[in-house]
């Protein structure tokens, strides 16, 4: 099942559980949950948790795709930065650490 479909299913189930929860309110003494209300609360918490997991998975897949797509460019930029640092160190050593070129 594709992630968008699964996300839609979870959102619809959350809406259904919210409607059921609203209908069940006021039928018990305050602070006392019936078995049905407790089951509904646990079910809603599980749906919310599952929704979060799928959102995290979708984000991770998006990051992975970006890394695969742009990984080569990032690697090239990193290599260029490393070369610039090496060139700078070489220039500093040729200048003799005090910024003055040695007499030739």
PDB file of N, CA and C in Angstrom:
ATOM      1  N   UNK A   1       0.849  -1.175   0.000  1.00  0.00           N
ATOM      2  CA  UNK A   1       0.000   0.000   0.000  1.00  0.00           C
ATOM      3  C   UNK A   1       0.894   1.237   0.000  1.00  0.00           C
ATOM      4  N   UNK A   2       0.544   2.209  -0.814  1.00  0.00           N
ATOM      5  CA  UNK A   2       1.380   3.402  -0.887  1.00  0.00           C
ATOM      6  C   UNK A   2       1.156   4.275   0.357  1.00  0.00           C
ATOM      7  N   UNK A   3       2.171   5.043   0.742  1.00  0.00           N
ATOM      8  CA  UNK A   3       2.101   5.845   1.963  1.00  0.00           C
ATOM      9  C   UNK A   3       0.962   6.865   1.987  1.00  0.00           C
ATOM     10  N   UNK A   4       0.629   7.455   0.861  1.00  0.00           N
ATOM     11  CA  UNK A   4      -0.447   8.447   0.830  1.00  0.00           C
ATOM     12  C   UNK A   4      -1.790   7.805   1.156  1.00  0.00           C
ATOM     13  N   UNK A   5      -2.045   6.630   0.597  1.00  0.00           N
ATOM     14  CA  UNK A   5      -3.279   5.909   0.889  1.00  0.00           C
ATOM     15  C   UNK A   5      -3.349   5.534   2.352  1.00  0.00           C
ATOM     16  N   UNK A   6      -2.247   5.014   2.878  1.00  0.00           N
ATOM     17  CA  UNK A   6      -2.212   4.622   4.286  1.00  0.00           C
ATOM     18  C   UNK A   6      -2.438   5.827   5.189  1.00  0.00           C
ATOM     19  N   UNK A   7      -1.813   6.942   4.872  1.00  0.00           N
ATOM     20  CA  UNK A   7      -1.999   8.158   5.655  1.00  0.00           C
ATOM     21  C   UNK A   7      -3.455   8.605   5.635  1.00  0.00           C
ATOM     22  N   UNK A   8      -4.096   8.520   4.491  1.00  0.00           N
ATOM     23  CA  UNK A   8      -5.511   8.888   4.365  1.00  0.00           C
ATOM     24  C   UNK A   8      -6.384   7.967   5.207  1.00  0.00           C
ATOM     25  N   UNK A   9      -6.108   6.680   5.164  1.00  0.00           N
ATOM     26  CA  UNK A   9      -6.869   5.708   5.962  1.00  0.00           C
ATOM     27  C   UNK A   9      -6.741   6.018   7.449  1.00  0.00           C
ATOM     28  N   UNK A  10      -5.522   6.291   7.892  1.00  0.00           N
ATOM     29  CA  UNK A  10      -5.297   6.590   9.311  1.00  0.00           C
ATOM     30  C   UNK A  10      -6.037   7.861   9.705  1.00  0.00           C
ATOM     31  N   UNK A  11      -5.995   8.897   8.857  1.00  0.00           N
ATOM     32  CA  UNK A  11      -6.689  10.146   9.166  1.00  0.00           C
ATOM     33  C   UNK A  11      -8.204   9.940   9.249  1.00  0.00           C
ATOM     34  N   UNK A  12      -8.755   9.125   8.351  1.00  0.00           N
ATOM     35  CA  UNK A  12     -10.190   8.835   8.399  1.00  0.00           C
ATOM     36  C   UNK A  12     -10.547   8.068   9.668  1.00  0.00           C
ATOM     37  N   UNK A  13      -9.709   7.128  10.055  1.00  0.00           N
ATOM     38  CA  UNK A  13      -9.959   6.378  11.281  1.00  0.00           C
ATOM     39  C   UNK A  13      -9.878   7.292  12.502  1.00  0.00           C
ATOM     40  N   UNK A  14      -8.942   8.225  12.489  1.00  0.00           N
ATOM     41  CA  UNK A  14      -8.861   9.189  13.594  1.00  0.00           C
ATOM     42  C   UNK A  14     -10.122  10.053  13.669  1.00  0.00           C
ATOM     43  N   UNK A  15     -10.625  10.469  12.515  1.00  0.00           N
ATOM     44  CA  UNK A  15     -11.863  11.249  12.497  1.00  0.00           C
ATOM     45  C   UNK A  15     -13.025  10.428  13.045  1.00  0.00           C
ATOM     46  N   UNK A  16     -13.114   9.172  12.629  1.00  0.00           N
ATOM     47  CA  UNK A  16     -14.174   8.290  13.130  1.00  0.00           C
ATOM     48  C   UNK A  16     -14.087   8.109  14.638  1.00  0.00           C
ATOM     49  N   UNK A  17     -12.873   7.900  15.136  1.00  0.00           N
ATOM     50  CA  UNK A  17     -12.721   7.691  16.577  1.00  0.00           C
ATOM     51  C   UNK A  17     -13.059   8.958  17.355  1.00  0.00           C
ATOM     52  N   UNK A  18     -12.767  10.122  16.777  1.00  0.00           N
ATOM     53  CA  UNK A  18     -13.124  11.391  17.425  1.00  0.00           C
ATOM     54  C   UNK A  18     -14.644  11.549  17.482  1.00  0.00           C
ATOM     55  N   UNK A  19     -15.323  11.194  16.396  1.00  0.00           N
ATOM     56  CA  UNK A  19     -16.788  11.256  16.386  1.00  0.00           C
ATOM     57  C   UNK A  19     -17.386  10.324  17.428  1.00  0.00           C
ATOM     58  N   UNK A  20     -16.864   9.111  17.494  1.00  0.00           N
ATOM     59  CA  UNK A  20     -17.355   8.158  18.492  1.00  0.00           C
ATOM     60  C   UNK A  20     -17.094   8.656  19.901  1.00  0.00           C
ATOM     61  N   UNK A  21     -15.959   9.260  20.101  1.00  0.00           N
ATOM     62  CA  UNK A  21     -15.610   9.796  21.418  1.00  0.00           C
ATOM     63  C   UNK A  21     -16.556  10.911  21.815  1.00  0.00           C
ATOM     64  N   UNK A  22     -16.907  11.777  20.863  1.00  0.00           N
ATOM     65  CA  UNK A  22     -17.840  12.874  21.146  1.00  0.00           C
ATOM     66  C   UNK A  22     -19.233  12.344  21.503  1.00  0.00           C
ATOM     67  N   UNK A  23     -19.662  11.289  20.821  1.00  0.00           N
ATOM     68  CA  UNK A  23     -20.973  10.701  21.089  1.00  0.00           C
ATOM     69  C   UNK A  23     -21.019  10.029  22.456  1.00  0.00           C
ATOM     70  N   UNK A  24     -19.888   9.505  22.910  1.00  0.00           N
ATOM     71  CA  UNK A  24     -19.850   8.758  24.165  1.00  0.00           C
ATOM     72  C   UNK A  24     -19.717   9.663  25.382  1.00  0.00           C
ATOM     73  N   UNK A  25     -19.401  10.926  25.183  1.00  0.00           N
ATOM     74  CA  UNK A  25     -19.208  11.838  26.318  1.00  0.00           C
ATOM     75  C   UNK A  25     -20.512  12.052  27.061  1.00  0.00           C
ATOM     76  N   UNK A  26     -20.365  12.181  28.390  1.00  0.00           N
ATOM     77  CA  UNK A  26     -21.503  12.517  29.219  1.00  0.00           C
ATOM     78  C   UNK A  26     -22.371  11.344  29.622  1.00  0.00           C
ATOM     79  N   UNK A  27     -22.003  10.136  29.264  1.00  0.00           N
ATOM     80  CA  UNK A  27     -22.821   8.989  29.607  1.00  0.00           C
ATOM     81  C   UNK A  27     -22.309   8.271  30.853  1.00  0.00           C
ATOM     82  N   UNK A  28     -21.195   8.718  31.394  1.00  0.00           N
ATOM     83  CA  UNK A  28     -20.608   8.137  32.604  1.00  0.00           C
ATOM     84  C   UNK A  28     -20.388   9.263  33.594  1.00  0.00           C
ATOM     85  N   UNK A  29     -20.136   8.869  34.830  1.00  0.00           N
ATOM     86  CA  UNK A  29     -19.753   9.873  35.816  1.00  0.00           C
ATOM     87  C   UNK A  29     -18.411  10.460  35.409  1.00  0.00           C
ATOM     88  N   UNK A  30     -18.203  11.714  35.754  1.00  0.00           N
ATOM     89  CA  UNK A  30     -16.962  12.399  35.389  1.00  0.00           C
ATOM     90  C   UNK A  30     -15.771  11.685  36.018  1.00  0.00           C
ATOM     91  N   UNK A  31     -14.734  11.470  35.234  1.00  0.00           N
ATOM     92  CA  UNK A  31     -13.511  10.819  35.709  1.00  0.00           C
ATOM     93  C   UNK A  31     -13.562   9.301  35.618  1.00  0.00           C
ATOM     94  N   UNK A  32     -14.703   8.732  35.290  1.00  0.00           N
ATOM     95  CA  UNK A  32     -14.862   7.286  35.171  1.00  0.00           C
ATOM     96  C   UNK A  32     -15.046   6.949  33.696  1.00  0.00           C
ATOM     97  N   UNK A  33     -14.202   6.068  33.196  1.00  0.00           N
ATOM     98  CA  UNK A  33     -14.314   5.640  31.796  1.00  0.00           C
ATOM     99  C   UNK A  33     -14.919   4.244  31.740  1.00  0.00           C
ATOM    100  N   UNK A  34     -15.821   4.067  30.795  1.00  0.00           N
ATOM    101  CA  UNK A  34     -16.344   2.723  30.553  1.00  0.00           C
ATOM    102  C   UNK A  34     -15.280   1.936  29.786  1.00  0.00           C
ATOM    103  N   UNK A  35     -15.468   0.651  29.701  1.00  0.00           N
ATOM    104  CA  UNK A  35     -14.530  -0.174  28.932  1.00  0.00           C
ATOM    105  C   UNK A  35     -14.481   0.276  27.474  1.00  0.00           C
ATOM    106  N   UNK A  36     -15.631   0.638  26.946  1.00  0.00           N
ATOM    107  CA  UNK A  36     -15.697   1.099  25.557  1.00  0.00           C
ATOM    108  C   UNK A  36     -14.916   2.394  25.376  1.00  0.00           C
ATOM    109  N   UNK A  37     -15.086   3.329  26.308  1.00  0.00           N
ATOM    110  CA  UNK A  37     -14.371   4.602  26.223  1.00  0.00           C
ATOM    111  C   UNK A  37     -12.868   4.399  26.357  1.00  0.00           C
ATOM    112  N   UNK A  38     -12.469   3.520  27.257  1.00  0.00           N
ATOM    113  CA  UNK A  38     -11.048   3.228  27.426  1.00  0.00           C
ATOM    114  C   UNK A  38     -10.467   2.598  26.159  1.00  0.00           C
ATOM    115  N   UNK A  39     -11.202   1.652  25.597  1.00  0.00           N
ATOM    116  CA  UNK A  39     -10.748   1.006  24.357  1.00  0.00           C
ATOM    117  C   UNK A  39     -10.628   2.030  23.235  1.00  0.00           C
ATOM    118  N   UNK A  40     -11.608   2.927  23.157  1.00  0.00           N
ATOM    119  CA  UNK A  40     -11.585   3.967  22.122  1.00  0.00           C
ATOM    120  C   UNK A  40     -10.400   4.910  22.320  1.00  0.00           C
ATOM    121  N   UNK A  41     -10.130   5.267  23.570  1.00  0.00           N
ATOM    122  CA  UNK A  41      -8.989   6.145  23.867  1.00  0.00           C
ATOM    123  C   UNK A  41      -7.677   5.464  23.457  1.00  0.00           C
ATOM    124  N   UNK A  42      -7.525   4.186  23.814  1.00  0.00           N
ATOM    125  CA  UNK A  42      -6.300   3.450  23.456  1.00  0.00           C
ATOM    126  C   UNK A  42      -6.174   3.307  21.941  1.00  0.00           C
ATOM    127  N   UNK A  43      -7.294   3.055  21.282  1.00  0.00           N
ATOM    128  CA  UNK A  43      -7.299   2.942  19.822  1.00  0.00           C
ATOM    129  C   UNK A  43      -6.863   4.260  19.179  1.00  0.00           C
ATOM    130  N   UNK A  44      -7.388   5.370  19.671  1.00  0.00           N
ATOM    131  CA  UNK A  44      -7.028   6.686  19.145  1.00  0.00           C
ATOM    132  C   UNK A  44      -5.549   6.973  19.369  1.00  0.00           C
ATOM    133  N   UNK A  45      -5.036   6.631  20.540  1.00  0.00           N
ATOM    134  CA  UNK A  45      -3.611   6.832  20.814  1.00  0.00           C
ATOM    135  C   UNK A  45      -2.755   5.992  19.870  1.00  0.00           C
ATOM    136  N   UNK A  46      -3.191   4.768  19.598  1.00  0.00           N
ATOM    137  CA  UNK A  46      -2.454   3.899  18.673  1.00  0.00           C
ATOM    138  C   UNK A  46      -2.476   4.473  17.254  1.00  0.00           C
ATOM    139  N   UNK A  47      -3.610   4.978  16.827  1.00  0.00           N
ATOM    140  CA  UNK A  47      -3.697   5.598  15.502  1.00  0.00           C
ATOM    141  C   UNK A  47      -2.793   6.822  15.403  1.00  0.00           C
ATOM    142  N   UNK A  48      -2.777   7.637  16.444  1.00  0.00           N
ATOM    143  CA  UNK A  48      -1.931   8.830  16.464  1.00  0.00           C
ATOM    144  C   UNK A  48      -0.462   8.440  16.399  1.00  0.00           C
ATOM    145  N   UNK A  49      -0.105   7.422  17.146  1.00  0.00           N
ATOM    146  CA  UNK A  49       1.285   6.941  17.129  1.00  0.00           C
ATOM    147  C   UNK A  49       1.660   6.403  15.745  1.00  0.00           C
ATOM    148  N   UNK A  50       0.769   5.620  15.163  1.00  0.00           N
ATOM    149  CA  UNK A  50       1.019   5.061  13.827  1.00  0.00           C
ATOM    150  C   UNK A  50       1.146   6.169  12.792  1.00  0.00           C
ATOM    151  N   UNK A  51       0.307   7.182  12.907  1.00  0.00           N
ATOM    152  CA  UNK A  51       0.384   8.311  11.988  1.00  0.00           C
ATOM    153  C   UNK A  51       1.746   8.998  12.091  1.00  0.00           C
ATOM    154  N   UNK A  52       2.223   9.186  13.307  1.00  0.00           N
ATOM    155  CA  UNK A  52       3.543   9.792  13.510  1.00  0.00           C
ATOM    156  C   UNK A  52       4.660   8.964  12.918  1.00  0.00           C
ATOM    157  N   UNK A  53       4.562   7.656  13.086  1.00  0.00           N
ATOM    158  CA  UNK A  53       5.580   6.746  12.533  1.00  0.00           C
ATOM    159  C   UNK A  53       5.611   6.853  11.019  1.00  0.00           C
ATOM    160  N   UNK A  54       4.432   6.874  10.394  1.00  0.00           N
ATOM    161  CA  UNK A  54       4.385   6.963   8.936  1.00  0.00           C
ATOM    162  C   UNK A  54       4.863   8.316   8.436  1.00  0.00           C
ATOM    163  N   UNK A  55       4.587   9.378   9.167  1.00  0.00           N
ATOM    164  CA  UNK A  55       5.099  10.697   8.789  1.00  0.00           C
ATOM    165  C   UNK A  55       6.631  10.710   8.883  1.00  0.00           C
ATOM    166  N   UNK A  56       7.169  10.110   9.941  1.00  0.00           N
ATOM    167  CA  UNK A  56       8.623  10.023  10.093  1.00  0.00           C
ATOM    168  C   UNK A  56       9.237   9.200   8.963  1.00  0.00           C
ATOM    169  N   UNK A  57       8.571   8.113   8.613  1.00  0.00           N
ATOM    170  CA  UNK A  57       9.079   7.262   7.527  1.00  0.00           C
ATOM    171  C   UNK A  57       9.072   8.027   6.204  1.00  0.00           C
ATOM    172  N   UNK A  58       7.984   8.762   5.959  1.00  0.00           N
ATOM    173  CA  UNK A  58       7.906   9.535   4.718  1.00  0.00           C
ATOM    174  C   UNK A  58       9.012  10.590   4.661  1.00  0.00           C
ATOM    175  N   UNK A  59       9.294  11.227   5.801  1.00  0.00           N
ATOM    176  CA  UNK A  59      10.356  12.222   5.863  1.00  0.00           C
ATOM    177  C   UNK A  59      11.722  11.564   5.605  1.00  0.00           C
ATOM    178  N   UNK A  60      11.943  10.406   6.213  1.00  0.00           N
ATOM    179  CA  UNK A  60      13.209   9.692   6.014  1.00  0.00           C
ATOM    180  C   UNK A  60      13.393   9.287   4.555  1.00  0.00           C
ATOM    181  N   UNK A  61      12.318   8.846   3.914  1.00  0.00           N
ATOM    182  CA  UNK A  61      12.398   8.489   2.499  1.00  0.00           C
ATOM    183  C   UNK A  61      12.695   9.714   1.644  1.00  0.00           C
ATOM    184  N   UNK A  62      12.111  10.833   1.992  1.00  0.00           N
ATOM    185  CA  UNK A  62      12.358  12.064   1.255  1.00  0.00           C
ATOM    186  C   UNK A  62      13.820  12.483   1.384  1.00  0.00           C
ATOM    187  N   UNK A  63      14.359  12.384   2.592  1.00  0.00           N
ATOM    188  CA  UNK A  63      15.774  12.719   2.813  1.00  0.00           C
ATOM    189  C   UNK A  63      16.674  11.766   2.037  1.00  0.00           C
ATOM    190  N   UNK A  64      16.336  10.477   2.073  1.00  0.00           N
ATOM    191  CA  UNK A  64      17.139   9.487   1.344  1.00  0.00           C
ATOM    192  C   UNK A  64      17.134   9.776  -0.155  1.00  0.00           C
ATOM    193  N   UNK A  65      15.976  10.148  -0.693  1.00  0.00           N
ATOM    194  CA  UNK A  65      15.902  10.464  -2.117  1.00  0.00           C
ATOM    195  C   UNK A  65      16.732  11.705  -2.437  1.00  0.00           C
ATOM    196  N   UNK A  66      16.701  12.693  -1.556  1.00  0.00           N
ATOM    197  CA  UNK A  66      17.496  13.908  -1.776  1.00  0.00           C
ATOM    198  C   UNK A  66      18.979  13.588  -1.737  1.00  0.00           C
ATOM    199  N   UNK A  67      19.386  12.738  -0.816  1.00  0.00           N
ATOM    200  CA  UNK A  67      20.798  12.355  -0.726  1.00  0.00           C
ATOM    201  C   UNK A  67      21.215  11.608  -1.991  1.00  0.00           C
ATOM    202  N   UNK A  68      20.348  10.706  -2.451  1.00  0.00           N
ATOM    203  CA  UNK A  68      20.678   9.958  -3.675  1.00  0.00           C
ATOM    204  C   UNK A  68      20.761  10.901  -4.870  1.00  0.00           C
ATOM    205  N   UNK A  69      19.840  11.858  -4.927  1.00  0.00           N
ATOM    206  CA  UNK A  69      19.792  12.782  -6.060  1.00  0.00           C
ATOM    207  C   UNK A  69      20.944  13.779  -6.020  1.00  0.00           C
ATOM    208  N   UNK A  70      21.250  14.326  -4.842  1.00  0.00           N
ATOM    209  CA  UNK A  70      22.226  15.403  -4.715  1.00  0.00           C
ATOM    210  C   UNK A  70      23.547  14.955  -4.102  1.00  0.00           C
ATOM    211  N   UNK A  71      23.677  13.681  -3.802  1.00  0.00           N
ATOM    212  CA  UNK A  71      24.874  13.187  -3.134  1.00  0.00           C
ATOM    213  C   UNK A  71      26.161  13.486  -3.889  1.00  0.00           C
ATOM    214  N   UNK A  72      26.138  13.341  -5.204  1.00  0.00           N
ATOM    215  CA  UNK A  72      27.336  13.578  -6.007  1.00  0.00           C
ATOM    216  C   UNK A  72      27.757  15.045  -5.915  1.00  0.00           C
ATOM    217  N   UNK A  73      26.802  15.949  -6.003  1.00  0.00           N
ATOM    218  CA  UNK A  73      27.118  17.383  -5.920  1.00  0.00           C
ATOM    219  C   UNK A  73      27.672  17.739  -4.542  1.00  0.00           C
ATOM    220  N   UNK A  74      27.106  17.152  -3.497  1.00  0.00           N
ATOM    221  CA  UNK A  74      27.593  17.408  -2.147  1.00  0.00           C
ATOM    222  C   UNK A  74      29.017  16.882  -1.994  1.00  0.00           C
ATOM    223  N   UNK A  75      29.264  15.699  -2.542  1.00  0.00           N
ATOM    224  CA  UNK A  75      30.607  15.124  -2.468  1.00  0.00           C
ATOM    225  C   UNK A  75      31.613  16.005  -3.214  1.00  0.00           C
ATOM    226  N   UNK A  76      31.244  16.500  -4.381  1.00  0.00           N
ATOM    227  CA  UNK A  76      32.143  17.376  -5.139  1.00  0.00           C
ATOM    228  C   UNK A  76      32.432  18.656  -4.365  1.00  0.00           C
ATOM    229  N   UNK A  77      31.427  19.241  -3.757  1.00  0.00           N
ATOM    230  CA  UNK A  77      31.626  20.458  -2.971  1.00  0.00           C
ATOM    231  C   UNK A  77      32.551  20.186  -1.791  1.00  0.00           C
ATOM    232  N   UNK A  78      32.381  19.044  -1.145  1.00  0.00           N
ATOM    233  CA  UNK A  78      33.242  18.672  -0.027  1.00  0.00           C
ATOM    234  C   UNK A  78      34.691  18.506  -0.490  1.00  0.00           C
ATOM    235  N   UNK A  79      34.882  17.854  -1.634  1.00  0.00           N
ATOM    236  CA  UNK A  79      36.227  17.660  -2.172  1.00  0.00           C
ATOM    237  C   UNK A  79      36.863  19.006  -2.533  1.00  0.00           C
ATOM    238  N   UNK A  80      36.077  19.936  -3.088  1.00  0.00           N
ATOM    239  CA  UNK A  80      36.603  21.260  -3.421  1.00  0.00           C
ATOM    240  C   UNK A  80      37.023  22.015  -2.166  1.00  0.00           C
ATOM    241  N   UNK A  81      36.226  21.924  -1.120  1.00  0.00           N
ATOM    242  CA  UNK A  81      36.575  22.580   0.140  1.00  0.00           C
ATOM    243  C   UNK A  81      37.857  21.993   0.726  1.00  0.00           C
ATOM    244  N   UNK A  82      38.001  20.682   0.636  1.00  0.00           N
ATOM    245  CA  UNK A  82      39.210  20.034   1.141  1.00  0.00           C
ATOM    246  C   UNK A  82      40.434  20.482   0.338  1.00  0.00           C
ATOM    247  N   UNK A  83      40.279  20.621  -0.977  1.00  0.00           N
ATOM    248  CA  UNK A  83      41.388  21.068  -1.823  1.00  0.00           C
ATOM    249  C   UNK A  83      41.760  22.514  -1.489  1.00  0.00           C
ATOM    250  N   UNK A  84      40.775  23.353  -1.258  1.00  0.00           N
ATOM    251  CA  UNK A  84      41.042  24.741  -0.883  1.00  0.00           C
ATOM    252  C   UNK A  84      41.819  24.791   0.428  1.00  0.00           C
ATOM    253  N   UNK A  85      41.437  23.959   1.388  1.00  0.00           N
ATOM    254  CA  UNK A  85      42.141  23.920   2.677  1.00  0.00           C
ATOM    255  C   UNK A  85      43.578  23.462   2.488  1.00  0.00           C
ATOM    256  N   UNK A  86      43.794  22.445   1.642  1.00  0.00           N
ATOM    257  CA  UNK A  86      45.166  21.976   1.387  1.00  0.00           C
ATOM    258  C   UNK A  86      45.986  23.057   0.694  1.00  0.00           C
ATOM    259  N   UNK A  87      45.380  23.741  -0.282  1.00  0.00           N
ATOM    260  CA  UNK A  87      46.074  24.821  -0.977  1.00  0.00           C
ATOM    261  C   UNK A  87      46.448  25.951  -0.008  1.00  0.00           C
ATOM    262  N   UNK A  88      45.550  26.270   0.899  1.00  0.00           N
ATOM    263  CA  UNK A  88      45.819  27.315   1.883  1.00  0.00           C
ATOM    264  C   UNK A  88      46.992  26.913   2.780  1.00  0.00           C
ATOM    265  N   UNK A  89      46.993  25.677   3.251  1.00  0.00           N
ATOM    266  CA  UNK A  89      48.095  25.203   4.107  1.00  0.00           C
ATOM    267  C   UNK A  89      49.415  25.236   3.359  1.00  0.00           C
ATOM    268  N   UNK A  90      49.412  24.851   2.095  1.00  0.00           N
ATOM    269  CA  UNK A  90      50.630  24.886   1.288  1.00  0.00           C
ATOM    270  C   UNK A  90      51.111  26.321   1.116  1.00  0.00           C
ATOM    271  N   UNK A  91      50.195  27.235   0.828  1.00  0.00           N
ATOM    272  CA  UNK A  91      50.562  28.645   0.668  1.00  0.00           C
ATOM    273  C   UNK A  91      51.150  29.193   1.955  1.00  0.00           C
ATOM    274  N   UNK A  92      50.554  28.839   3.097  1.00  0.00           N
ATOM    275  CA  UNK A  92      51.064  29.300   4.384  1.00  0.00           C
ATOM    276  C   UNK A  92      52.464  28.759   4.638  1.00  0.00           C
ATOM    277  N   UNK A  93      52.698  27.508   4.285  1.00  0.00           N
ATOM    278  CA  UNK A  93      54.035  26.941   4.511  1.00  0.00           C
ATOM    279  C   UNK A  93      55.067  27.579   3.581  1.00  0.00           C
ATOM    280  N   UNK A  94      54.679  27.924   2.358  1.00  0.00           N
ATOM    281  CA  UNK A  94      55.603  28.575   1.430  1.00  0.00           C
ATOM    282  C   UNK A  94      55.905  30.009   1.863  1.00  0.00           C
ATOM    283  N   UNK A  95      54.933  30.663   2.518  1.00  0.00           N
ATOM    284  CA  UNK A  95      55.145  32.017   2.993  1.00  0.00           C
ATOM    285  C   UNK A  95      55.938  32.056   4.279  1.00  0.00           C
ATOM    286  N   UNK A  96      56.096  30.939   4.918  1.00  0.00           N
ATOM    287  CA  UNK A  96      56.902  30.869   6.146  1.00  0.00           C
ATOM    288  C   UNK A  96      56.163  31.290   7.384  1.00  0.00           C
ATOM    289  N   UNK A  97      54.957  30.961   7.581  1.00  0.00           N
ATOM    290  CA  UNK A  97      54.143  31.138   8.790  1.00  0.00           C
ATOM    291  C   UNK A  97      53.975  32.586   9.246  1.00  0.00           C
ATOM    292  N   UNK A  98      54.761  33.549   8.775  1.00  0.00           N
ATOM    293  CA  UNK A  98      54.569  34.922   9.238  1.00  0.00           C
ATOM    294  C   UNK A  98      53.903  35.791   8.172  1.00  0.00           C
ATOM    295  N   UNK A  99      53.505  35.182   7.082  1.00  0.00           N
ATOM    296  CA  UNK A  99      52.788  35.909   6.037  1.00  0.00           C
ATOM    297  C   UNK A  99      53.722  36.639   5.078  1.00  0.00           C
ATOM    298  N   UNK A 100      55.055  36.494   5.239  1.00  0.00           N
ATOM    299  CA  UNK A 100      56.007  37.164   4.377  1.00  0.00           C
ATOM    300  C   UNK A 100      56.654  36.098   3.492  1.00  0.00           C
ATOM    301  N   UNK A 101      56.724  36.372   2.196  1.00  0.00           N
ATOM    302  CA  UNK A 101      57.339  35.409   1.286  1.00  0.00           C
ATOM    303  C   UNK A 101      58.854  35.349   1.567  1.00  0.00           C
ATOM    304  N   UNK A 102      59.432  34.122   1.564  1.00  0.00           N
ATOM    305  CA  UNK A 102      60.884  34.003   1.780  1.00  0.00           C
ATOM    306  C   UNK A 102      61.650  34.621   0.624  1.00  0.00           C
ATOM    307  N   UNK A 103      62.897  35.121   0.894  1.00  0.00           N
ATOM    308  CA  UNK A 103      63.742  35.689  -0.159  1.00  0.00           C
ATOM    309  C   UNK A 103      64.206  34.590  -1.087  1.00  0.00           C
ATOM    310  N   UNK A 104      64.093  34.831  -2.369  1.00  0.00           N
ATOM    311  CA  UNK A 104      64.557  33.851  -3.353  1.00  0.00           C
ATOM    312  C   UNK A 104      65.599  34.416  -4.244  1.00  0.00           C
TER     313      UNK A 104
END
